[in-house]
């Protein structure tokens, strides 16, 4: 990803992306989900933030295709 735009970040991009600015968003999620995100971040050698953004983007892309 040459531009570093997080709006298009996917899990497959985590190893090659350019960091961009972020905004804080507090959300409460189940402990099991936090554990799964932590495991995935370690597996991909990426930050939890990047993993969460990539997962959200992929979910949003799927939702838009179903419209």
C-alpha atoms as a PDB file:
ATOM      1  CA  UNK A   1       0.000   0.000   0.000  1.00  0.00           C
ATOM      2  CA  UNK A   2       1.916   2.974  -1.215  1.00  0.00           C
ATOM      3  CA  UNK A   3      -0.318   5.709   0.185  1.00  0.00           C
ATOM      4  CA  UNK A   4      -0.658   4.352   3.720  1.00  0.00           C
ATOM      5  CA  UNK A   5      -4.424   4.911   3.646  1.00  0.00           C
ATOM      6  CA  UNK A   6      -6.002   2.848   6.429  1.00  0.00           C
ATOM      7  CA  UNK A   7      -9.447   2.974   4.844  1.00  0.00           C
ATOM      8  CA  UNK A   8      -8.308   0.207   2.491  1.00  0.00           C
ATOM      9  CA  UNK A   9      -6.082  -1.753   4.911  1.00  0.00           C
ATOM     10  CA  UNK A  10      -6.535  -5.525   4.753  1.00  0.00           C
ATOM     11  CA  UNK A  11      -4.922  -8.283   6.792  1.00  0.00           C
ATOM     12  CA  UNK A  12      -2.770  -9.178   3.806  1.00  0.00           C
ATOM     13  CA  UNK A  13      -1.410  -5.602   3.770  1.00  0.00           C
ATOM     14  CA  UNK A  14      -0.076  -5.557   7.327  1.00  0.00           C
ATOM     15  CA  UNK A  15       3.466  -6.511   6.383  1.00  0.00           C
ATOM     16  CA  UNK A  16       3.826  -3.889   3.649  1.00  0.00           C
ATOM     17  CA  UNK A  17       1.778  -0.884   4.746  1.00  0.00           C
ATOM     18  CA  UNK A  18       2.938   2.650   5.514  1.00  0.00           C
ATOM     19  CA  UNK A  19       1.678   3.939   8.903  1.00  0.00           C
ATOM     20  CA  UNK A  20      -0.881   6.774   8.927  1.00  0.00           C
ATOM     21  CA  UNK A  21      -2.532   8.937  11.561  1.00  0.00           C
ATOM     22  CA  UNK A  22      -5.185   7.531  13.863  1.00  0.00           C
ATOM     23  CA  UNK A  23      -7.988   8.668  16.174  1.00  0.00           C
ATOM     24  CA  UNK A  24      -8.872   7.073  19.473  1.00  0.00           C
ATOM     25  CA  UNK A  25     -12.162   5.174  19.722  1.00  0.00           C
ATOM     26  CA  UNK A  26     -13.080   3.436  22.958  1.00  0.00           C
ATOM     27  CA  UNK A  27     -15.245   0.365  22.547  1.00  0.00           C
ATOM     28  CA  UNK A  28     -16.090  -2.527  24.817  1.00  0.00           C
ATOM     29  CA  UNK A  29     -15.633  -5.946  23.248  1.00  0.00           C
ATOM     30  CA  UNK A  30     -15.779  -9.463  24.678  1.00  0.00           C
ATOM     31  CA  UNK A  31     -12.607 -10.755  26.344  1.00  0.00           C
ATOM     32  CA  UNK A  32     -12.496 -13.670  23.904  1.00  0.00           C
ATOM     33  CA  UNK A  33     -12.343 -11.235  20.999  1.00  0.00           C
ATOM     34  CA  UNK A  34      -9.480  -9.303  22.622  1.00  0.00           C
ATOM     35  CA  UNK A  35      -7.596 -12.572  23.047  1.00  0.00           C
ATOM     36  CA  UNK A  36      -8.177 -13.536  19.411  1.00  0.00           C
ATOM     37  CA  UNK A  37      -7.016 -10.116  18.191  1.00  0.00           C
ATOM     38  CA  UNK A  38      -3.916 -10.334  20.367  1.00  0.00           C
ATOM     39  CA  UNK A  39      -3.073 -13.780  18.982  1.00  0.00           C
ATOM     40  CA  UNK A  40      -3.590 -12.646  15.394  1.00  0.00           C
ATOM     41  CA  UNK A  41      -1.453  -9.532  15.919  1.00  0.00           C
ATOM     42  CA  UNK A  42       1.385 -11.649  17.292  1.00  0.00           C
ATOM     43  CA  UNK A  43       1.040 -14.162  14.458  1.00  0.00           C
ATOM     44  CA  UNK A  44       1.152 -11.396  11.828  1.00  0.00           C
ATOM     45  CA  UNK A  45       3.797  -9.389  13.731  1.00  0.00           C
ATOM     46  CA  UNK A  46       1.499  -6.366  13.550  1.00  0.00           C
ATOM     47  CA  UNK A  47      -0.029  -3.974  16.061  1.00  0.00           C
ATOM     48  CA  UNK A  48      -3.433  -4.708  17.541  1.00  0.00           C
ATOM     49  CA  UNK A  49      -4.642  -1.411  16.097  1.00  0.00           C
ATOM     50  CA  UNK A  50      -3.639  -2.462  12.588  1.00  0.00           C
ATOM     51  CA  UNK A  51      -5.331  -5.828  12.990  1.00  0.00           C
ATOM     52  CA  UNK A  52      -8.554  -4.252  14.261  1.00  0.00           C
ATOM     53  CA  UNK A  53      -8.597  -1.682  11.430  1.00  0.00           C
ATOM     54  CA  UNK A  54      -7.933  -4.394   8.830  1.00  0.00           C
ATOM     55  CA  UNK A  55     -10.695  -6.601  10.245  1.00  0.00           C
ATOM     56  CA  UNK A  56     -13.150  -3.699  10.315  1.00  0.00           C
ATOM     57  CA  UNK A  57     -12.294  -2.748   6.729  1.00  0.00           C
ATOM     58  CA  UNK A  58     -12.736  -6.325   5.533  1.00  0.00           C
ATOM     59  CA  UNK A  59     -16.058  -6.603   7.349  1.00  0.00           C
ATOM     60  CA  UNK A  60     -17.266  -3.308   5.892  1.00  0.00           C
ATOM     61  CA  UNK A  61     -16.244  -4.398   2.394  1.00  0.00           C
ATOM     62  CA  UNK A  62     -18.247  -7.610   2.767  1.00  0.00           C
ATOM     63  CA  UNK A  63     -21.267  -5.698   4.093  1.00  0.00           C
ATOM     64  CA  UNK A  64     -21.156  -3.270   1.162  1.00  0.00           C
ATOM     65  CA  UNK A  65     -21.036  -6.129  -1.354  1.00  0.00           C
ATOM     66  CA  UNK A  66     -24.207  -7.600   0.185  1.00  0.00           C
ATOM     67  CA  UNK A  67     -26.202  -4.387  -0.350  1.00  0.00           C
END
